[in-house]
PDB file of N, CA and C in Angstrom:
ATOM      1  N   MET A   1      88.304 132.335 116.667  1.00  0.00           N
ATOM      2  CA  MET A   1      87.528 131.345 117.450  1.00  0.00           C
ATOM      3  C   MET A   1      87.599 130.025 116.627  1.00  0.00           C
ATOM      4  N   ALA A   2      87.952 129.095 117.522  1.00  0.00           N
ATOM      5  CA  ALA A   2      88.106 127.725 116.894  1.00  0.00           C
ATOM      6  C   ALA A   2      86.774 127.015 116.749  1.00  0.00           C
ATOM      7  N   THR A   3      86.632 126.279 115.661  1.00  0.00           N
ATOM      8  CA  THR A   3      85.407 125.583 115.378  1.00  0.00           C
ATOM      9  C   THR A   3      85.634 124.117 115.502  1.00  0.00           C
ATOM     10  N   SER A   4      84.708 123.428 115.957  1.00  0.00           N
ATOM     11  CA  SER A   4      84.895 121.959 116.113  1.00  0.00           C
ATOM     12  C   SER A   4      84.679 121.286 114.768  1.00  0.00           C
ATOM     13  N   PRO A   5      85.351 120.242 114.514  1.00  0.00           N
ATOM     14  CA  PRO A   5      85.152 119.558 113.211  1.00  0.00           C
ATOM     15  C   PRO A   5      83.720 118.991 113.198  1.00  0.00           C
ATOM     16  N   PRO A   6      83.269 118.736 111.974  1.00  0.00           N
ATOM     17  CA  PRO A   6      81.861 118.163 111.885  1.00  0.00           C
ATOM     18  C   PRO A   6      81.869 116.779 112.453  1.00  0.00           C
ATOM     19  N   ARG A   7      80.700 116.461 112.972  1.00  0.00           N
ATOM     20  CA  ARG A   7      80.607 115.082 113.546  1.00  0.00           C
ATOM     21  C   ARG A   7      80.374 114.075 112.335  1.00  0.00           C
ATOM     22  N   ARG A   8      81.095 113.137 112.529  1.00  0.00           N
ATOM     23  CA  ARG A   8      81.013 111.997 111.402  1.00  0.00           C
ATOM     24  C   ARG A   8      79.977 110.930 111.941  1.00  0.00           C
ATOM     25  N   ILE A   9      79.033 110.698 111.117  1.00  0.00           N
ATOM     26  CA  ILE A   9      77.974 109.802 111.376  1.00  0.00           C
ATOM     27  C   ILE A   9      78.182 108.575 110.591  1.00  0.00           C
ATOM     28  N   VAL A  10      78.292 107.406 111.113  1.00  0.00           N
ATOM     29  CA  VAL A  10      78.383 106.112 110.482  1.00  0.00           C
ATOM     30  C   VAL A  10      77.247 105.209 110.784  1.00  0.00           C
ATOM     31  N   THR A  11      77.087 104.167 110.018  1.00  0.00           N
ATOM     32  CA  THR A  11      76.075 103.120 110.282  1.00  0.00           C
ATOM     33  C   THR A  11      76.527 102.145 111.302  1.00  0.00           C
ATOM     34  N   CYS A  12      75.795 101.904 112.440  1.00  0.00           N
ATOM     35  CA  CYS A  12      76.110 100.968 113.443  1.00  0.00           C
ATOM     36  C   CYS A  12      76.085  99.452 112.772  1.00  0.00           C
ATOM     37  N   PRO A  13      77.099  98.787 112.920  1.00  0.00           N
ATOM     38  CA  PRO A  13      77.260  97.454 112.211  1.00  0.00           C
ATOM     39  C   PRO A  13      76.249  96.453 112.822  1.00  0.00           C
ATOM     40  N   THR A  14      75.724  96.705 113.996  1.00  0.00           N
ATOM     41  CA  THR A  14      74.749  95.785 114.559  1.00  0.00           C
ATOM     42  C   THR A  14      73.390  96.046 114.224  1.00  0.00           C
ATOM     43  N   CYS A  15      72.913  97.330 114.443  1.00  0.00           N
ATOM     44  CA  CYS A  15      71.508  97.631 114.253  1.00  0.00           C
ATOM     45  C   CYS A  15      71.189  98.402 113.065  1.00  0.00           C
ATOM     46  N   GLY A  16      72.274  98.964 112.382  1.00  0.00           N
ATOM     47  CA  GLY A  16      72.011  99.780 111.211  1.00  0.00           C
ATOM     48  C   GLY A  16      71.590 101.149 111.453  1.00  0.00           C
ATOM     49  N   GLY A  17      71.544 101.571 112.671  1.00  0.00           N
ATOM     50  CA  GLY A  17      71.161 102.878 112.957  1.00  0.00           C
ATOM     51  C   GLY A  17      72.375 103.935 112.886  1.00  0.00           C
ATOM     52  N   ASP A  18      72.164 105.207 113.137  1.00  0.00           N
ATOM     53  CA  ASP A  18      73.133 106.218 113.057  1.00  0.00           C
ATOM     54  C   ASP A  18      74.095 106.091 114.373  1.00  0.00           C
ATOM     55  N   SER A  19      75.328 106.337 114.148  1.00  0.00           N
ATOM     56  CA  SER A  19      76.282 106.209 115.264  1.00  0.00           C
ATOM     57  C   SER A  19      77.346 107.270 115.029  1.00  0.00           C
ATOM     58  N   VAL A  20      77.688 108.019 116.074  1.00  0.00           N
ATOM     59  CA  VAL A  20      78.588 109.215 115.970  1.00  0.00           C
ATOM     60  C   VAL A  20      79.971 108.462 116.101  1.00  0.00           C
ATOM     61  N   TYR A  21      80.832 108.700 115.128  1.00  0.00           N
ATOM     62  CA  TYR A  21      82.227 108.152 115.206  1.00  0.00           C
ATOM     63  C   TYR A  21      83.153 109.222 115.543  1.00  0.00           C
ATOM     64  N   SER A  22      83.324 109.356 116.967  1.00  0.00           N
ATOM     65  CA  SER A  22      84.229 110.272 117.446  1.00  0.00           C
ATOM     66  C   SER A  22      84.586 109.915 118.945  1.00  0.00           C
ATOM     67  N   PRO A  23      85.511 110.544 119.504  1.00  0.00           N
ATOM     68  CA  PRO A  23      85.945 110.193 120.929  1.00  0.00           C
ATOM     69  C   PRO A  23      84.815 110.368 121.879  1.00  0.00           C
ATOM     70  N   GLU A  24      83.808 111.168 121.592  1.00  0.00           N
ATOM     71  CA  GLU A  24      82.707 111.374 122.481  1.00  0.00           C
ATOM     72  C   GLU A  24      81.824 109.992 122.611  1.00  0.00           C
ATOM     73  N   ASN A  25      81.907 109.139 121.629  1.00  0.00           N
ATOM     74  CA  ASN A  25      81.165 107.880 121.595  1.00  0.00           C
ATOM     75  C   ASN A  25      82.109 106.774 122.025  1.00  0.00           C
ATOM     76  N   PRO A  26      82.055 106.338 123.210  1.00  0.00           N
ATOM     77  CA  PRO A  26      83.078 105.322 123.599  1.00  0.00           C
ATOM     78  C   PRO A  26      82.816 103.860 122.958  1.00  0.00           C
ATOM     79  N   TYR A  27      81.673 103.755 122.334  1.00  0.00           N
ATOM     80  CA  TYR A  27      81.279 102.445 121.767  1.00  0.00           C
ATOM     81  C   TYR A  27      81.470 102.503 120.238  1.00  0.00           C
ATOM     82  N   ARG A  28      82.079 103.464 119.728  1.00  0.00           N
ATOM     83  CA  ARG A  28      82.287 103.579 118.264  1.00  0.00           C
ATOM     84  C   ARG A  28      82.916 102.323 117.674  1.00  0.00           C
ATOM     85  N   PRO A  29      82.589 101.812 116.608  1.00  0.00           N
ATOM     86  CA  PRO A  29      81.600 102.308 115.625  1.00  0.00           C
ATOM     87  C   PRO A  29      80.115 101.941 115.973  1.00  0.00           C
ATOM     88  N   PHE A  30      79.970 101.327 117.054  1.00  0.00           N
ATOM     89  CA  PHE A  30      78.585 100.961 117.531  1.00  0.00           C
ATOM     90  C   PHE A  30      77.885 102.224 118.063  1.00  0.00           C
ATOM     91  N   CYS A  31      76.504 102.121 118.033  1.00  0.00           N
ATOM     92  CA  CYS A  31      75.766 103.368 118.555  1.00  0.00           C
ATOM     93  C   CYS A  31      75.623 103.215 120.007  1.00  0.00           C
ATOM     94  N   SER A  32      75.719 102.018 120.669  1.00  0.00           N
ATOM     95  CA  SER A  32      75.496 101.910 122.100  1.00  0.00           C
ATOM     96  C   SER A  32      76.256 100.721 122.705  1.00  0.00           C
ATOM     97  N   GLU A  33      76.267 100.701 123.982  1.00  0.00           N
ATOM     98  CA  GLU A  33      76.951  99.551 124.588  1.00  0.00           C
ATOM     99  C   GLU A  33      76.270  98.226 124.256  1.00  0.00           C
ATOM    100  N   ARG A  34      74.936  98.267 124.246  1.00  0.00           N
ATOM    101  CA  ARG A  34      74.135  97.000 123.852  1.00  0.00           C
ATOM    102  C   ARG A  34      74.618  96.525 122.455  1.00  0.00           C
ATOM    103  N   CYS A  35      74.655  97.315 121.476  1.00  0.00           N
ATOM    104  CA  CYS A  35      75.138  96.923 120.136  1.00  0.00           C
ATOM    105  C   CYS A  35      76.519  96.370 120.137  1.00  0.00           C
ATOM    106  N   LYS A  36      77.446  96.967 120.934  1.00  0.00           N
ATOM    107  CA  LYS A  36      78.732  96.605 121.030  1.00  0.00           C
ATOM    108  C   LYS A  36      78.847  95.112 121.682  1.00  0.00           C
ATOM    109  N   ASN A  37      77.955  94.932 122.689  1.00  0.00           N
ATOM    110  CA  ASN A  37      77.982  93.640 123.368  1.00  0.00           C
ATOM    111  C   ASN A  37      77.342  92.512 122.532  1.00  0.00           C
ATOM    112  N   VAL A  38      76.284  92.848 121.690  1.00  0.00           N
ATOM    113  CA  VAL A  38      75.718  91.884 120.784  1.00  0.00           C
ATOM    114  C   VAL A  38      76.783  91.460 119.757  1.00  0.00           C
ATOM    115  N   ASP A  39      77.613  92.350 119.259  1.00  0.00           N
ATOM    116  CA  ASP A  39      78.650  91.978 118.284  1.00  0.00           C
ATOM    117  C   ASP A  39      79.702  91.093 119.018  1.00  0.00           C
ATOM    118  N   PHE A  40      80.133  91.535 120.225  1.00  0.00           N
ATOM    119  CA  PHE A  40      81.115  90.767 120.903  1.00  0.00           C
ATOM    120  C   PHE A  40      80.511  89.309 121.127  1.00  0.00           C
ATOM    121  N   GLY A  41      79.243  89.226 121.534  1.00  0.00           N
ATOM    122  CA  GLY A  41      78.676  87.889 121.786  1.00  0.00           C
ATOM    123  C   GLY A  41      78.763  87.067 120.620  1.00  0.00           C
ATOM    124  N   ALA A  42      78.504  87.640 119.331  1.00  0.00           N
ATOM    125  CA  ALA A  42      78.550  86.915 118.080  1.00  0.00           C
ATOM    126  C   ALA A  42      79.934  86.305 117.873  1.00  0.00           C
ATOM    127  N   TRP A  43      80.976  87.179 118.159  1.00  0.00           N
ATOM    128  CA  TRP A  43      82.395  86.768 117.943  1.00  0.00           C
ATOM    129  C   TRP A  43      82.762  85.663 119.023  1.00  0.00           C
ATOM    130  N   ALA A  44      82.319  85.802 120.145  1.00  0.00           N
ATOM    131  CA  ALA A  44      82.597  84.907 121.237  1.00  0.00           C
ATOM    132  C   ALA A  44      81.950  83.510 120.932  1.00  0.00           C
ATOM    133  N   SER A  45      80.879  83.530 120.399  1.00  0.00           N
ATOM    134  CA  SER A  45      80.113  82.208 120.046  1.00  0.00           C
ATOM    135  C   SER A  45      80.506  81.607 118.748  1.00  0.00           C
ATOM    136  N   GLU A  46      81.440  82.411 118.088  1.00  0.00           N
ATOM    137  CA  GLU A  46      81.868  81.896 116.745  1.00  0.00           C
ATOM    138  C   GLU A  46      80.831  82.001 115.700  1.00  0.00           C
ATOM    139  N   SER A  47      79.899  82.809 115.803  1.00  0.00           N
ATOM    140  CA  SER A  47      78.806  83.038 114.795  1.00  0.00           C
ATOM    141  C   SER A  47      79.356  83.693 113.559  1.00  0.00           C
ATOM    142  N   TYR A  48      80.491  84.444 113.616  1.00  0.00           N
ATOM    143  CA  TYR A  48      81.029  85.014 112.363  1.00  0.00           C
ATOM    144  C   TYR A  48      82.090  84.009 111.947  1.00  0.00           C
ATOM    145  N   THR A  49      82.073  83.831 110.601  1.00  0.00           N
ATOM    146  CA  THR A  49      83.092  82.910 110.003  1.00  0.00           C
ATOM    147  C   THR A  49      83.606  83.569 108.682  1.00  0.00           C
ATOM    148  N   VAL A  50      84.842  83.304 108.307  1.00  0.00           N
ATOM    149  CA  VAL A  50      85.438  83.669 107.038  1.00  0.00           C
ATOM    150  C   VAL A  50      85.808  82.370 106.312  1.00  0.00           C
ATOM    151  N   GLU A  51      85.165  82.280 105.187  1.00  0.00           N
ATOM    152  CA  GLU A  51      85.477  81.065 104.292  1.00  0.00           C
ATOM    153  C   GLU A  51      86.792  81.179 103.776  1.00  0.00           C
ATOM    154  N   ALA A  52      87.550  80.042 103.749  1.00  0.00           N
ATOM    155  CA  ALA A  52      88.960  80.108 103.201  1.00  0.00           C
ATOM    156  C   ALA A  52      89.195  78.677 102.627  1.00  0.00           C
ATOM    157  N   LYS A  53      89.936  78.656 101.506  1.00  0.00           N
ATOM    158  CA  LYS A  53      90.306  77.325 100.926  1.00  0.00           C
ATOM    159  C   LYS A  53      91.259  76.722 102.031  1.00  0.00           C
ATOM    160  N   PRO A  54      91.226  75.378 102.109  1.00  0.00           N
ATOM    161  CA  PRO A  54      92.215  74.687 102.987  1.00  0.00           C
ATOM    162  C   PRO A  54      93.595  74.716 102.335  1.00  0.00           C
ATOM    163  N   THR A  55      94.608  74.888 103.238  1.00  0.00           N
ATOM    164  CA  THR A  55      95.954  74.892 102.770  1.00  0.00           C
ATOM    165  C   THR A  55      96.509  73.506 102.951  1.00  0.00           C
ATOM    166  N   THR A  56      97.756  73.365 102.542  1.00  0.00           N
ATOM    167  CA  THR A  56      98.435  72.065 102.764  1.00  0.00           C
ATOM    168  C   THR A  56      98.580  71.707 104.215  1.00  0.00           C
ATOM    169  N   VAL A  57      98.891  72.784 104.957  1.00  0.00           N
ATOM    170  CA  VAL A  57      99.005  72.679 106.395  1.00  0.00           C
ATOM    171  C   VAL A  57      97.717  72.159 107.049  1.00  0.00           C
ATOM    172  N   ASP A  58      96.535  72.646 106.571  1.00  0.00           N
ATOM    173  CA  ASP A  58      95.224  72.230 107.055  1.00  0.00           C
ATOM    174  C   ASP A  58      94.957  70.639 106.718  1.00  0.00           C
ATOM    175  N   LEU A  59      95.364  70.403 105.413  1.00  0.00           N
ATOM    176  CA  LEU A  59      95.147  69.022 104.979  1.00  0.00           C
ATOM    177  C   LEU A  59      96.047  68.039 105.766  1.00  0.00           C
ATOM    178  N   ASP A  60      97.272  68.441 105.970  1.00  0.00           N
ATOM    179  CA  ASP A  60      98.247  67.569 106.782  1.00  0.00           C
ATOM    180  C   ASP A  60      97.784  67.416 108.241  1.00  0.00           C
ATOM    181  N   ALA A  61      97.068  68.390 108.789  1.00  0.00           N
ATOM    182  CA  ALA A  61      96.549  68.288 110.112  1.00  0.00           C
ATOM    183  C   ALA A  61      95.380  67.302 110.259  1.00  0.00           C
ATOM    184  N   ASP A  62      94.719  67.051 109.169  1.00  0.00           N
ATOM    185  CA  ASP A  62      93.605  65.978 109.109  1.00  0.00           C
ATOM    186  C   ASP A  62      94.111  64.568 108.951  1.00  0.00           C
ATOM    187  N   LYS A  63      95.407  64.368 108.602  1.00  0.00           N
ATOM    188  CA  LYS A  63      95.931  63.097 108.476  1.00  0.00           C
ATOM    189  C   LYS A  63      96.253  62.543 109.930  1.00  0.00           C
ATOM    190  N   PRO A  64      96.068  61.249 110.066  1.00  0.00           N
ATOM    191  CA  PRO A  64      96.559  60.696 111.322  1.00  0.00           C
ATOM    192  C   PRO A  64      98.151  60.653 111.377  1.00  0.00           C
ATOM    193  N   PRO A  65      98.699  60.788 112.565  1.00  0.00           N
ATOM    194  CA  PRO A  65     100.132  60.738 112.691  1.00  0.00           C
ATOM    195  C   PRO A  65     100.729  59.401 112.226  1.00  0.00           C
ATOM    196  N   PRO A  66     101.806  59.259 111.715  1.00  0.00           N
ATOM    197  CA  PRO A  66     102.450  58.141 111.238  1.00  0.00           C
ATOM    198  C   PRO A  66     102.672  57.087 112.351  1.00  0.00           C
ATOM    199  N   GLN A  67     102.493  55.814 112.109  1.00  0.00           N
ATOM    200  CA  GLN A  67     102.634  54.717 113.173  1.00  0.00           C
ATOM    201  C   GLN A  67     104.165  54.475 113.226  1.00  0.00           C
ATOM    202  N   THR A  68     104.652  54.431 114.467  1.00  0.00           N
ATOM    203  CA  THR A  68     106.014  54.094 114.767  1.00  0.00           C
ATOM    204  C   THR A  68     106.082  52.926 115.690  1.00  0.00           C
ATOM    205  N   HIS A  69     106.906  51.987 115.456  1.00  0.00           N
ATOM    206  CA  HIS A  69     106.971  50.877 116.356  1.00  0.00           C
ATOM    207  C   HIS A  69     108.260  50.661 116.832  1.00  0.00           C
TER     208      HIS A  69
END
């Protein structure tokens, strides 16, 4: 008789509750559609940011283009 693997429970990144991390949960790693949509909304509104040091490409982009006559 085949036994099913143990269910893996993870912490939902949005609400901090328990979430089943398996194919039976279509919203994994989130616990629900609501939590998945809250997270997506935060990404869409650019609420999540990652700090990075400016590169020379970034610094060059801030300079005005050279004047040509």
